[in-house]
Protein backbone atom coordinates (compact mmCIF):
# COMPACT_ATOMS: atom_id res chain seq x y z
CA UNK A 1 0.00 0.00 0.00
CA UNK A 2 2.79 2.45 0.89
CA UNK A 3 4.59 1.58 -2.33
CA UNK A 4 1.39 2.22 -4.30
CA UNK A 5 0.88 5.59 -2.60
CA UNK A 6 4.50 6.57 -3.15
CA UNK A 7 4.43 5.58 -6.82
CA UNK A 8 1.18 7.38 -7.57
CA UNK A 9 2.33 10.45 -5.71
CA UNK A 10 5.62 10.44 -7.60
CA UNK A 11 3.79 10.27 -10.92
CA UNK A 12 1.54 13.11 -9.82
CA UNK A 13 4.51 15.16 -8.71
CA UNK A 14 6.01 14.98 -12.19
CA UNK A 15 2.66 15.88 -13.73
CA UNK A 16 2.40 18.88 -11.43
CA UNK A 17 5.84 20.06 -12.58
CA UNK A 18 7.42 19.60 -9.19
CA UNK A 19 5.45 22.52 -7.83
CA UNK A 20 5.61 21.65 -4.09
CA UNK A 21 6.32 23.02 -1.58
CA UNK A 22 3.41 25.39 -1.94
CA UNK A 23 3.43 29.03 -1.02
CA UNK A 24 0.59 31.50 -1.19
CA UNK A 25 0.63 33.52 -4.39
CA UNK A 26 -0.35 36.69 -2.56
CA UNK A 27 -0.39 37.99 1.00
CA UNK A 28 -3.55 37.67 3.06
CA UNK A 29 -6.30 39.94 1.78
CA UNK A 30 -7.06 43.13 3.62
CA UNK A 31 -9.89 43.06 6.12
CA UNK A 32 -13.12 42.78 4.18
CA UNK A 33 -15.56 45.67 4.14
CA UNK A 34 -18.95 45.30 5.75
CA UNK A 35 -21.13 42.66 4.14
CA UNK A 36 -23.40 43.98 1.41
CA UNK A 37 -26.87 42.53 1.07
CA UNK A 38 -26.64 40.15 4.03
CA UNK A 39 -28.29 40.61 7.38
CA UNK A 40 -26.78 38.36 10.00
CA UNK A 41 -28.88 37.55 13.04
CA UNK A 42 -27.99 35.55 16.11
CA UNK A 43 -28.90 31.86 16.00
CA UNK A 44 -26.67 30.68 18.83
CA UNK A 45 -26.71 27.17 20.20
CA UNK A 46 -25.27 25.99 23.53
CA UNK A 47 -22.34 24.49 21.64
CA UNK A 48 -21.82 27.44 19.29
CA UNK A 49 -22.73 30.60 21.19
CA UNK A 50 -21.51 33.04 18.51
CA UNK A 51 -23.27 31.40 15.57
CA UNK A 52 -25.15 33.72 13.23
CA UNK A 53 -27.58 33.05 10.36
CA UNK A 54 -28.51 34.83 7.15
CA UNK A 55 -30.19 34.25 3.80
CA UNK A 56 -28.75 35.10 0.39
CA UNK A 57 -30.72 35.68 -2.81
CA UNK A 58 -29.15 34.31 -5.98
CA UNK A 59 -30.44 33.98 -9.55
CA UNK A 60 -32.06 30.67 -10.40
CA UNK A 61 -30.47 31.06 -13.84
CA UNK A 62 -27.13 32.86 -13.70
CA UNK A 63 -27.48 33.70 -17.38
CA UNK A 64 -30.53 35.78 -16.40
CA UNK A 65 -29.38 37.55 -13.23
CA UNK A 66 -32.45 39.79 -13.12
CA UNK A 67 -34.84 36.85 -13.41
CA UNK A 68 -36.28 34.54 -10.79
CA UNK A 69 -34.39 34.53 -7.49
CA UNK A 70 -33.91 31.66 -5.04
CA UNK A 71 -32.39 31.71 -1.56
CA UNK A 72 -29.45 30.05 0.17
CA UNK A 73 -29.41 29.52 3.93
CA UNK A 74 -26.14 30.55 5.61
CA UNK A 75 -24.46 30.31 8.99
CA UNK A 76 -21.39 32.12 10.27
CA UNK A 77 -18.98 32.11 13.17
CA UNK A 78 -17.38 35.56 12.94
CA UNK A 79 -13.65 36.15 13.22
CA UNK A 80 -12.34 37.62 16.46
CA UNK A 81 -8.75 38.53 15.52
CA UNK A 82 -7.86 42.17 14.86
CA UNK A 83 -6.87 41.25 11.29
CA UNK A 84 -9.04 38.83 9.33
CA UNK A 85 -8.06 36.53 6.49
CA UNK A 86 -11.63 36.82 5.19
CA UNK A 87 -14.39 34.23 4.78
CA UNK A 88 -13.75 30.48 4.95
CA UNK A 89 -16.61 28.62 3.28
CA UNK A 90 -17.10 25.03 4.42
CA UNK A 91 -19.02 22.25 2.67
CA UNK A 92 -19.70 18.65 3.84
CA UNK A 93 -20.22 17.05 0.44
CA UNK A 94 -23.12 15.13 -0.98
CA UNK A 95 -24.18 16.54 -3.34
CA UNK A 96 -27.16 17.33 -1.16
CA UNK A 97 -25.37 17.77 2.16
CA UNK A 98 -26.45 20.62 4.40
CA UNK A 99 -23.49 22.75 5.42
CA UNK A 100 -25.11 25.00 7.99
CA UNK A 101 -24.03 22.85 10.94
CA UNK A 102 -20.48 22.52 9.65
CA UNK A 103 -19.51 26.14 10.30
CA UNK A 104 -19.73 25.81 14.06
CA UNK A 105 -17.92 22.48 14.03
CA UNK A 106 -15.00 23.72 11.93
CA UNK A 107 -14.65 26.95 13.90
CA UNK A 108 -14.51 25.01 17.17
CA UNK A 109 -12.27 22.21 15.87
CA UNK A 110 -9.56 24.47 14.43
CA UNK A 111 -6.92 25.90 16.76
CA UNK A 112 -8.29 29.06 18.36
CA UNK A 113 -5.73 31.34 16.75
CA UNK A 114 -6.61 29.99 13.29
CA UNK A 115 -10.38 30.12 13.71
CA UNK A 116 -10.05 33.68 15.03
CA UNK A 117 -8.67 34.82 11.66
CA UNK A 118 -11.63 33.66 9.58
CA UNK A 119 -15.35 34.16 9.25
CA UNK A 120 -16.25 30.47 9.02
CA UNK A 121 -19.35 30.22 6.84
CA UNK A 122 -21.59 27.23 6.28
CA UNK A 123 -24.24 27.11 3.60
CA UNK A 124 -27.00 24.97 2.20
CA UNK A 125 -26.39 24.82 -1.56
CA UNK A 126 -29.28 25.49 -3.89
CA UNK A 127 -32.11 23.07 -3.36
CA UNK A 128 -30.74 21.81 -0.02
CA UNK A 129 -32.16 22.00 3.49
CA UNK A 130 -33.27 25.48 4.51
CA UNK A 131 -32.48 26.95 1.10
CA UNK A 132 -35.55 27.69 -1.00
CA UNK A 133 -36.97 26.05 -2.97
CA UNK A 134 -35.91 22.77 -1.40
CA UNK A 135 -36.15 19.69 -3.59
CA UNK A 136 -38.07 16.63 -2.45
CA UNK A 137 -38.93 14.38 -5.34
CA UNK A 138 -40.38 11.18 -3.99
CA UNK A 139 -41.70 10.40 -0.54
CA UNK A 140 -41.12 6.81 0.49
CA UNK A 141 -38.49 6.04 -2.14
CA UNK A 142 -36.40 4.15 0.43
CA UNK A 143 -39.28 2.69 2.42
CA UNK A 144 -38.46 -0.86 3.48
CA UNK A 145 -38.55 -3.56 2.37
CA UNK A 146 -37.22 -2.73 -1.11
CA UNK A 147 -36.62 -5.30 -3.84
CA UNK A 148 -33.33 -7.14 -3.50
CA UNK A 149 -30.67 -4.88 -4.98
CA UNK A 150 -29.04 -7.82 -6.79
CA UNK A 151 -31.43 -8.62 -9.67
CA UNK A 152 -31.16 -12.40 -9.78
CA UNK A 153 -34.29 -12.62 -11.92
CA UNK A 154 -36.10 -10.43 -14.43
CA UNK A 155 -38.93 -9.61 -12.03
CA UNK A 156 -36.56 -8.19 -9.43
CA UNK A 157 -34.74 -6.15 -12.02
CA UNK A 158 -38.03 -4.79 -13.36
CA UNK A 159 -39.23 -3.89 -9.88
CA UNK A 160 -36.05 -1.89 -9.30
CA UNK A 161 -36.30 -0.24 -12.72
CA UNK A 162 -39.91 0.77 -12.07
CA UNK A 163 -38.88 2.25 -8.75
CA UNK A 164 -36.05 4.43 -10.09
CA UNK A 165 -37.99 5.47 -13.19
CA UNK A 166 -40.84 6.57 -10.93
CA UNK A 167 -38.46 8.68 -8.87
CA UNK A 168 -37.14 10.46 -11.97
CA UNK A 169 -40.68 11.10 -13.17
CA UNK A 170 -41.66 12.45 -9.76
CA UNK A 171 -38.73 14.88 -9.89
CA UNK A 172 -39.89 16.09 -13.29
CA UNK A 173 -43.46 16.52 -12.10
CA UNK A 174 -42.54 18.41 -8.94
CA UNK A 175 -39.48 20.42 -9.94
CA UNK A 176 -39.31 20.74 -13.74
CA UNK A 177 -38.80 24.50 -13.44
CA UNK A 178 -35.79 24.11 -11.16
CA UNK A 179 -33.99 20.94 -12.27
CA UNK A 180 -32.15 22.53 -15.24
CA UNK A 181 -30.44 24.88 -12.77
CA UNK A 182 -29.41 22.38 -10.08
CA UNK A 183 -25.83 21.33 -10.74
CA UNK A 184 -22.26 21.93 -9.66
CA UNK A 185 -21.55 24.82 -12.02
CA UNK A 186 -24.66 26.68 -10.86
CA UNK A 187 -23.73 26.02 -7.23
CA UNK A 188 -20.18 27.29 -7.87
CA UNK A 189 -21.55 30.47 -9.41
CA UNK A 190 -23.66 30.91 -6.26
CA UNK A 191 -20.43 31.03 -4.27
CA UNK A 192 -19.26 33.98 -6.32
CA UNK A 193 -22.52 35.79 -5.55
CA UNK A 194 -21.89 35.01 -1.89
CA UNK A 195 -18.34 36.36 -2.07
CA UNK A 196 -19.67 39.62 -3.53
CA UNK A 197 -22.39 39.84 -0.89
CA UNK A 198 -19.76 39.38 1.81
CA UNK A 199 -17.77 42.26 0.38
CA UNK A 200 -14.64 40.10 0.25
CA UNK A 201 -11.94 40.43 -2.37
CA UNK A 202 -11.18 36.72 -1.98
CA UNK A 203 -12.62 33.74 -0.19
CA UNK A 204 -11.17 30.56 1.27
CA UNK A 205 -12.86 27.21 0.86
CA UNK A 206 -12.72 23.91 2.76
CA UNK A 207 -14.72 21.05 1.25
CA UNK A 208 -15.09 17.38 2.02
CA UNK A 209 -15.98 14.66 -0.51
CA UNK A 210 -18.26 16.08 -3.24
CA UNK A 211 -17.37 19.44 -1.72
CA UNK A 212 -13.88 18.97 -3.18
CA UNK A 213 -15.33 18.95 -6.68
CA UNK A 214 -17.52 21.98 -5.97
CA UNK A 215 -14.44 23.83 -4.70
CA UNK A 216 -12.38 22.84 -7.73
CA UNK A 217 -15.10 24.04 -10.09
CA UNK A 218 -15.37 27.37 -8.27
CA UNK A 219 -11.59 27.73 -8.42
CA UNK A 220 -11.67 27.04 -12.16
CA UNK A 221 -14.25 29.78 -12.67
CA UNK A 222 -12.61 32.32 -10.36
CA UNK A 223 -8.97 31.41 -9.58
CA UNK A 224 -8.08 35.00 -8.70
CA UNK A 225 -10.77 35.03 -6.01
CA UNK A 226 -9.32 32.06 -4.09
CA UNK A 227 -7.26 32.76 -0.98
CA UNK A 228 -6.97 29.23 0.46
CA UNK A 229 -8.36 25.98 -0.96
CA UNK A 230 -8.57 22.80 1.14
CA UNK A 231 -9.93 19.60 -0.42
CA UNK A 232 -10.42 16.57 1.83
CA UNK A 233 -11.29 13.09 0.49
CA UNK A 234 -11.04 14.09 -3.10
CA UNK A 235 -13.37 13.33 -6.00
CA UNK A 236 -11.69 12.12 -9.18
CA UNK A 237 -12.60 14.94 -11.58
CA UNK A 238 -12.01 12.70 -14.59
CA UNK A 239 -14.77 10.25 -13.66
CA UNK A 240 -17.72 12.54 -13.00
CA UNK A 241 -19.98 10.72 -12.30
CA UNK A 242 -20.69 7.29 -13.85
CA UNK A 243 -17.08 6.08 -13.83
CA UNK A 244 -16.51 7.42 -10.31
CA UNK A 245 -19.37 5.29 -9.05
CA UNK A 246 -17.91 2.16 -10.62
CA UNK A 247 -14.61 2.90 -8.90
CA UNK A 248 -16.48 3.35 -5.63
CA UNK A 249 -17.99 -0.11 -5.94
CA UNK A 250 -14.62 -1.83 -5.90
CA UNK A 251 -13.26 0.38 -3.14
CA UNK A 252 -16.29 -0.23 -0.91
CA UNK A 253 -15.94 -3.96 -1.40
CA UNK A 254 -12.32 -3.79 -0.26
CA UNK A 255 -13.31 -1.70 2.75
CA UNK A 256 -16.08 -4.13 3.67
CA UNK A 257 -13.54 -6.96 3.55
CA UNK A 258 -11.35 -4.90 5.91
CA UNK A 259 -14.27 -4.67 8.34
CA UNK A 260 -14.86 -8.43 8.17
CA UNK A 261 -11.14 -9.09 8.73
CA UNK A 262 -11.34 -6.83 11.80
CA UNK A 263 -14.29 -8.89 13.06
CA UNK A 264 -12.21 -12.04 12.61
CA UNK A 265 -9.48 -10.56 14.82
CA UNK A 266 -11.97 -10.46 17.68
CA UNK A 267 -13.52 -13.89 17.55
CA UNK A 268 -13.42 -14.02 21.35
CA UNK A 269 -15.89 -11.12 21.34
CA UNK A 270 -18.06 -11.80 18.30
CA UNK A 271 -17.73 -15.60 17.88
CA UNK A 272 -17.97 -15.36 14.10
CA UNK A 273 -14.70 -17.17 13.36
CA UNK A 274 -11.04 -16.29 13.00
CA UNK A 275 -10.81 -16.66 9.22
CA UNK A 276 -11.79 -13.47 7.33
CA UNK A 277 -13.06 -15.51 4.39
CA UNK A 278 -15.23 -17.53 6.73
CA UNK A 279 -16.60 -14.40 8.37
CA UNK A 280 -17.38 -13.04 4.92
CA UNK A 281 -19.31 -16.20 4.05
CA UNK A 282 -21.35 -15.77 7.24
CA UNK A 283 -22.15 -12.16 6.34
CA UNK A 284 -23.41 -13.18 2.91
CA UNK A 285 -25.27 -16.03 4.56
CA UNK A 286 -27.03 -13.43 6.68
CA UNK A 287 -27.85 -11.48 3.53
CA UNK A 288 -29.34 -14.59 1.91
CA UNK A 289 -31.43 -15.38 4.98
CA UNK A 290 -32.87 -11.86 4.93
CA UNK A 291 -34.07 -12.40 1.35
CA UNK A 292 -36.55 -14.91 2.70
CA UNK A 293 -37.37 -13.26 6.04
CA UNK A 294 -36.51 -9.58 6.49
CA UNK A 295 -35.45 -8.82 10.06
CA UNK A 296 -38.23 -7.10 11.96
CA UNK A 297 -40.14 -6.75 8.70
CA UNK A 298 -37.69 -3.95 7.82
CA UNK A 299 -34.25 -5.27 6.95
CA UNK A 300 -33.99 -7.18 3.70
CA UNK A 301 -30.84 -7.49 1.58
CA UNK A 302 -30.98 -3.91 0.28
CA UNK A 303 -31.49 -2.49 3.78
CA UNK A 304 -28.66 -4.69 5.10
CA UNK A 305 -26.32 -3.11 2.55
CA UNK A 306 -27.55 0.34 3.54
CA UNK A 307 -26.78 -0.50 7.17
CA UNK A 308 -23.22 -1.73 6.60
CA UNK A 309 -22.22 0.79 3.93
CA UNK A 310 -21.53 3.53 6.58
CA UNK A 311 -18.81 1.26 7.95
CA UNK A 312 -16.99 1.97 4.71
CA UNK A 313 -17.01 5.67 5.55
CA UNK A 314 -15.94 5.50 9.19
CA UNK A 315 -14.44 2.61 11.13
CA UNK A 316 -15.71 4.05 14.40
CA UNK A 317 -19.00 2.34 13.50
CA UNK A 318 -17.41 -1.11 13.23
CA UNK A 319 -18.00 -2.30 16.82
CA UNK A 320 -21.70 -1.47 16.65
CA UNK A 321 -22.08 -3.12 13.24
CA UNK A 322 -20.16 -6.19 14.45
CA UNK A 323 -22.43 -6.53 17.47
CA UNK A 324 -25.51 -6.50 15.23
CA UNK A 325 -23.95 -9.05 12.87
CA UNK A 326 -23.03 -11.37 15.74
CA UNK A 327 -26.44 -11.09 17.41
CA UNK A 328 -28.17 -12.14 14.20
CA UNK A 329 -25.72 -14.81 13.00
CA UNK A 330 -24.74 -16.34 16.35
CA UNK A 331 -27.67 -15.70 18.69
CA UNK A 332 -30.45 -15.61 16.08
CA UNK A 333 -31.54 -12.30 17.57
CA UNK A 334 -32.60 -9.81 14.85
CA UNK A 335 -33.36 -6.87 17.17
CA UNK A 336 -29.81 -5.40 17.21
CA UNK A 337 -29.70 -5.62 13.42
CA UNK A 338 -32.97 -3.71 13.16
CA UNK A 339 -31.61 -1.12 15.60
CA UNK A 340 -28.44 -0.78 13.52
CA UNK A 341 -30.53 -0.30 10.39
CA UNK A 342 -32.60 2.39 12.05
CA UNK A 343 -29.45 4.17 13.15
CA UNK A 344 -27.24 3.85 10.08
CA UNK A 345 -29.36 2.73 7.16
CA UNK A 346 -32.86 4.10 7.48
CA UNK A 347 -33.55 7.28 5.57
CA UNK A 348 -34.77 10.13 7.75
CA UNK A 349 -37.45 12.44 6.33
CA UNK A 350 -34.84 15.13 5.62
CA UNK A 351 -32.87 12.65 3.52
CA UNK A 352 -35.59 12.79 0.88
CA UNK A 353 -34.32 16.30 0.24
CA UNK A 354 -30.63 15.38 0.24
CA UNK A 355 -31.16 12.41 -2.10
CA UNK A 356 -33.28 14.52 -4.43
CA UNK A 357 -30.49 17.09 -4.71
CA UNK A 358 -27.91 14.31 -5.05
CA UNK A 359 -29.66 12.90 -8.09
CA UNK A 360 -30.48 16.32 -9.55
CA UNK A 361 -26.83 17.40 -9.41
CA UNK A 362 -25.23 14.16 -10.54
CA UNK A 363 -27.71 13.57 -13.36
CA UNK A 364 -27.31 17.14 -14.63
CA UNK A 365 -23.53 17.49 -14.24
CA UNK A 366 -22.51 15.02 -16.94
CA UNK A 367 -23.80 12.37 -19.31
CA UNK A 368 -24.98 8.99 -18.03
CA UNK A 369 -25.70 5.94 -20.20
CA UNK A 370 -29.30 5.92 -21.40
CA UNK A 371 -29.16 2.34 -22.63
CA UNK A 372 -29.96 0.07 -19.67
CA UNK A 373 -28.06 -2.77 -21.35
CA UNK A 374 -24.87 -0.76 -20.73
CA UNK A 375 -25.70 -0.43 -17.03
CA UNK A 376 -26.56 -4.11 -16.75
CA UNK A 377 -23.33 -5.26 -18.38
CA UNK A 378 -21.14 -2.87 -16.35
CA UNK A 379 -22.82 -3.77 -13.05
CA UNK A 380 -22.64 -7.52 -13.47
CA UNK A 381 -19.00 -7.27 -14.52
CA UNK A 382 -18.20 -5.15 -11.47
CA UNK A 383 -20.40 -7.23 -9.17
CA UNK A 384 -18.35 -10.31 -10.05
CA UNK A 385 -15.35 -8.62 -8.45
CA UNK A 386 -17.10 -6.46 -5.85
CA UNK A 387 -20.47 -7.86 -4.74
CA UNK A 388 -20.93 -5.82 -1.55
CA UNK A 389 -22.36 -2.58 -2.96
CA UNK A 390 -22.24 -2.65 -6.77
CA UNK A 391 -25.94 -3.18 -7.45
CA UNK A 392 -27.06 -1.16 -4.44
CA UNK A 393 -25.01 1.77 -5.72
CA UNK A 394 -26.35 1.23 -9.22
CA UNK A 395 -29.96 1.62 -8.13
CA UNK A 396 -29.03 4.64 -6.02
CA UNK A 397 -27.80 6.36 -9.19
CA UNK A 398 -30.06 4.73 -11.77
CA UNK A 399 -32.60 7.61 -11.92
CA UNK A 400 -29.95 9.27 -14.08
CA UNK A 401 -30.75 6.77 -16.85
CA UNK A 402 -34.22 8.31 -17.03
CA UNK A 403 -33.53 11.88 -15.95
CA UNK A 404 -35.74 14.56 -17.54
CA UNK A 405 -33.07 17.23 -18.12
CA UNK A 406 -30.28 17.11 -20.65
CA UNK A 407 -26.82 16.64 -19.15
CA UNK A 408 -24.09 19.24 -19.25
CA UNK A 409 -20.44 18.63 -20.04
CA UNK A 410 -18.33 18.40 -16.90
CA UNK A 411 -15.80 21.25 -16.82
CA UNK A 412 -12.10 20.57 -16.96
CA UNK A 413 -10.86 21.72 -13.54
CA UNK A 414 -7.21 21.91 -14.64
CA UNK A 415 -5.92 25.11 -13.11
CA UNK A 416 -2.57 26.87 -13.46
CA UNK A 417 -3.72 30.22 -12.07
CA UNK A 418 -4.66 29.06 -8.58
CA UNK A 419 -2.75 29.77 -5.37
CA UNK A 420 -1.41 26.54 -3.92
CA UNK A 421 -4.18 24.24 -2.69
CA UNK A 422 -3.92 21.61 0.05
CA UNK A 423 -5.40 18.14 -0.46
CA UNK A 424 -5.98 15.42 2.15
CA UNK A 425 -6.56 11.77 1.28
CA UNK A 426 -6.62 8.40 3.04
CA UNK A 427 -5.10 5.59 1.00
CA UNK A 428 -7.99 3.18 1.62
CA UNK A 429 -10.89 5.62 1.34
CA UNK A 430 -13.86 3.85 -0.26
CA UNK A 431 -16.12 6.75 -1.20
CA UNK A 432 -13.40 8.72 -3.00
CA UNK A 433 -10.58 6.30 -3.84
CA UNK A 434 -6.99 7.47 -3.46
CA UNK A 435 -6.29 7.65 -7.18
CA UNK A 436 -8.80 10.50 -7.46
CA UNK A 437 -6.75 12.69 -5.16
CA UNK A 438 -3.65 12.01 -7.23
CA UNK A 439 -5.57 12.98 -10.35
CA UNK A 440 -6.87 16.20 -8.77
CA UNK A 441 -3.40 17.11 -7.50
CA UNK A 442 -2.01 16.79 -11.02
CA UNK A 443 -4.67 19.19 -12.31
CA UNK A 444 -4.17 21.91 -9.66
CA UNK A 445 -0.74 23.37 -10.33
CA UNK A 446 1.22 24.03 -7.16
CA UNK A 447 -1.03 21.93 -4.95
CA UNK A 448 0.19 19.65 -2.17
CA UNK A 449 -1.17 16.27 -1.13
CA UNK A 450 -1.12 15.03 2.46
CA UNK A 451 -1.69 11.28 2.56
CA UNK A 452 -3.01 9.34 5.53
CA UNK A 453 -1.15 6.06 5.07
CA UNK A 454 -3.35 3.06 5.77
CA UNK A 455 -6.36 5.19 6.64
CA UNK A 456 -9.74 4.12 5.35
CA UNK A 457 -12.06 6.79 6.69
CA UNK A 458 -13.75 9.31 4.44
CA UNK A 459 -13.19 12.82 5.73
CA UNK A 460 -9.94 12.88 7.70
CA UNK A 461 -8.98 16.45 8.64
CA UNK A 462 -10.43 17.55 11.98
CA UNK A 463 -11.25 13.95 12.85
CA UNK A 464 -8.65 13.47 15.55
CA UNK A 465 -5.45 12.82 13.60
CA UNK A 466 -3.02 15.33 15.09
CA UNK A 467 -0.55 15.06 12.22
CA UNK A 468 -3.20 15.96 9.64
CA UNK A 469 -4.73 18.70 11.74
CA UNK A 470 -1.40 20.42 12.31
CA UNK A 471 -0.83 20.57 8.55
CA UNK A 472 -4.29 22.01 7.99
CA UNK A 473 -3.76 24.67 10.63
CA UNK A 474 -0.36 25.65 9.25
CA UNK A 475 -1.78 26.04 5.75
CA UNK A 476 -4.69 28.17 6.92
CA UNK A 477 -2.27 30.38 8.86
CA UNK A 478 0.31 30.92 6.13
CA UNK A 479 -0.76 29.36 2.85
CA UNK A 480 2.31 27.13 2.92
CA UNK A 481 2.16 23.35 2.47
CA UNK A 482 4.17 20.49 1.06
CA UNK A 483 3.50 16.89 0.12
CA UNK A 484 3.53 14.76 3.25
CA UNK A 485 2.25 11.56 4.79
CA UNK A 486 0.74 10.88 8.19
CA UNK A 487 0.10 7.54 9.88
CA UNK A 488 -3.52 6.49 10.23
CA UNK A 489 -5.22 6.44 13.58
CA UNK A 490 -5.52 3.09 15.30
CA UNK A 491 -8.49 0.91 14.42
CA UNK A 492 -11.24 0.79 17.05
CA UNK A 493 -11.49 -1.88 19.71
CA UNK A 494 -14.60 -3.89 20.47
CA UNK A 495 -16.84 -2.22 23.01
CA UNK A 496 -19.51 -3.48 25.34
CA UNK A 497 -22.94 -3.57 23.73
CA UNK A 498 -24.07 0.04 23.70
CA UNK A 499 -25.94 2.49 21.57
CA UNK A 500 -23.00 4.91 21.75
CA UNK A 501 -20.58 5.14 18.83
CA UNK A 502 -17.14 4.22 20.20
CA UNK A 503 -14.69 7.08 20.30
CA UNK A 504 -11.56 4.97 19.89
CA UNK A 505 -11.02 5.93 16.26
CA UNK A 506 -11.92 9.60 16.72
CA UNK A 507 -13.96 11.68 14.36
CA UNK A 508 -17.49 10.66 15.38
CA UNK A 509 -18.67 14.28 15.48
CA UNK A 510 -17.30 15.03 12.02
CA UNK A 511 -18.74 11.91 10.43
CA UNK A 512 -22.12 12.65 11.91
CA UNK A 513 -22.06 15.90 9.93
CA UNK A 514 -20.70 14.48 6.68
CA UNK A 515 -23.27 11.73 6.35
CA UNK A 516 -23.04 8.99 3.74
CA UNK A 517 -23.14 8.55 -0.01
CA UNK A 518 -21.30 11.78 -0.69
């Protein structure tokens, strides 16, 4: 693994013309003038007593700036230092993730002297959360028990096809006037309106997951307006979005195998065997049993995958997921599995909004195959190598095969005019595989990549790894960074049966904000 990371990074370094170490292209911007067009009001919480909220009007269609306006919901933790480095926009990914809660988290997680220099600003992108209008295409789309995600017969495949086609049609019926304007380029142009409203000459940006792509697109459109750019768990810009999802499938399968190998290490706790391959057979045996009798009338094979997929994002969930697995497979007790589904897999009402925006953005951003035979062939080929999530992920994205708006062409984010950016990436990340960060680094001239060697979590800065966090803080202070590697945090240990997420791996608060699938 270390050899692979070193080789890929070396290739990327050549492609980036040996541009590291990185230095800021310009000194910190002067203190920004008073915000224009924004009225901040207090919306403090016990955890974030200085939090403020505002709403920003932006054009639905940026080509018609005087036309219909929509609103974005914002939060802010104001700077307290005598000299400010300006706004720091933060985004948790998705697409479809609400960023309002992230501002307070980032401001409190950064060192005090760093946070004091920035107005840390969270936002709900267009269509998301408290922004208006908020998309919500299909109530009950994830209601259990869904058809088995793996279409072993024509009837199951048709049931899944009917379901995703219905979702696409519902989006058209409810939001036809908005869908052509929900996409990454439109969202990036919103950020420029926000910068202007803030009265800032430049802005800084810190994005996780899909937020890395949004940041890269904004930087492509307005490189001279970027002060600092931090991209954590980086989307491969060359695979947006169909190819990126196929790469995800294989990475999630590898991460699921890592979880099962971890379970095998603790046979004295879980009693599922000491051989990882044997533990894997028992997990798929559980999946097969749920085809016939869903646990609690809620957890069939598709819901089981939904429940265990978050373990691919954050290994802090592994003890809880292992307990549920063991209770079902060893004790024949389905109640912990149902509880795990309700905690990790079940879609909350608000997720109807986030999934609707997810599909609207991904389906609009770039072309997807319209011939279902192409999907079927690609999925079965990938499933043969990576059975854990391939078909589940396919149905999650399959509305794009029937989407009512024409796709755009994904922009080339290659950028030679940008001040040095800082990228963070774990080598075993499933949601955004490592190779994507190498690709992005090669496209952003002068950027630096900090690698978490052996790490498999998605979203790694401000998750408890001191080495990573020190490099983030130094970059936000000075704009300076260089390629580096940090050791991963230790894997979690088994815990007594509890509803609490174990803290042994760190980062539980961050991963609660980032969510899944993005």
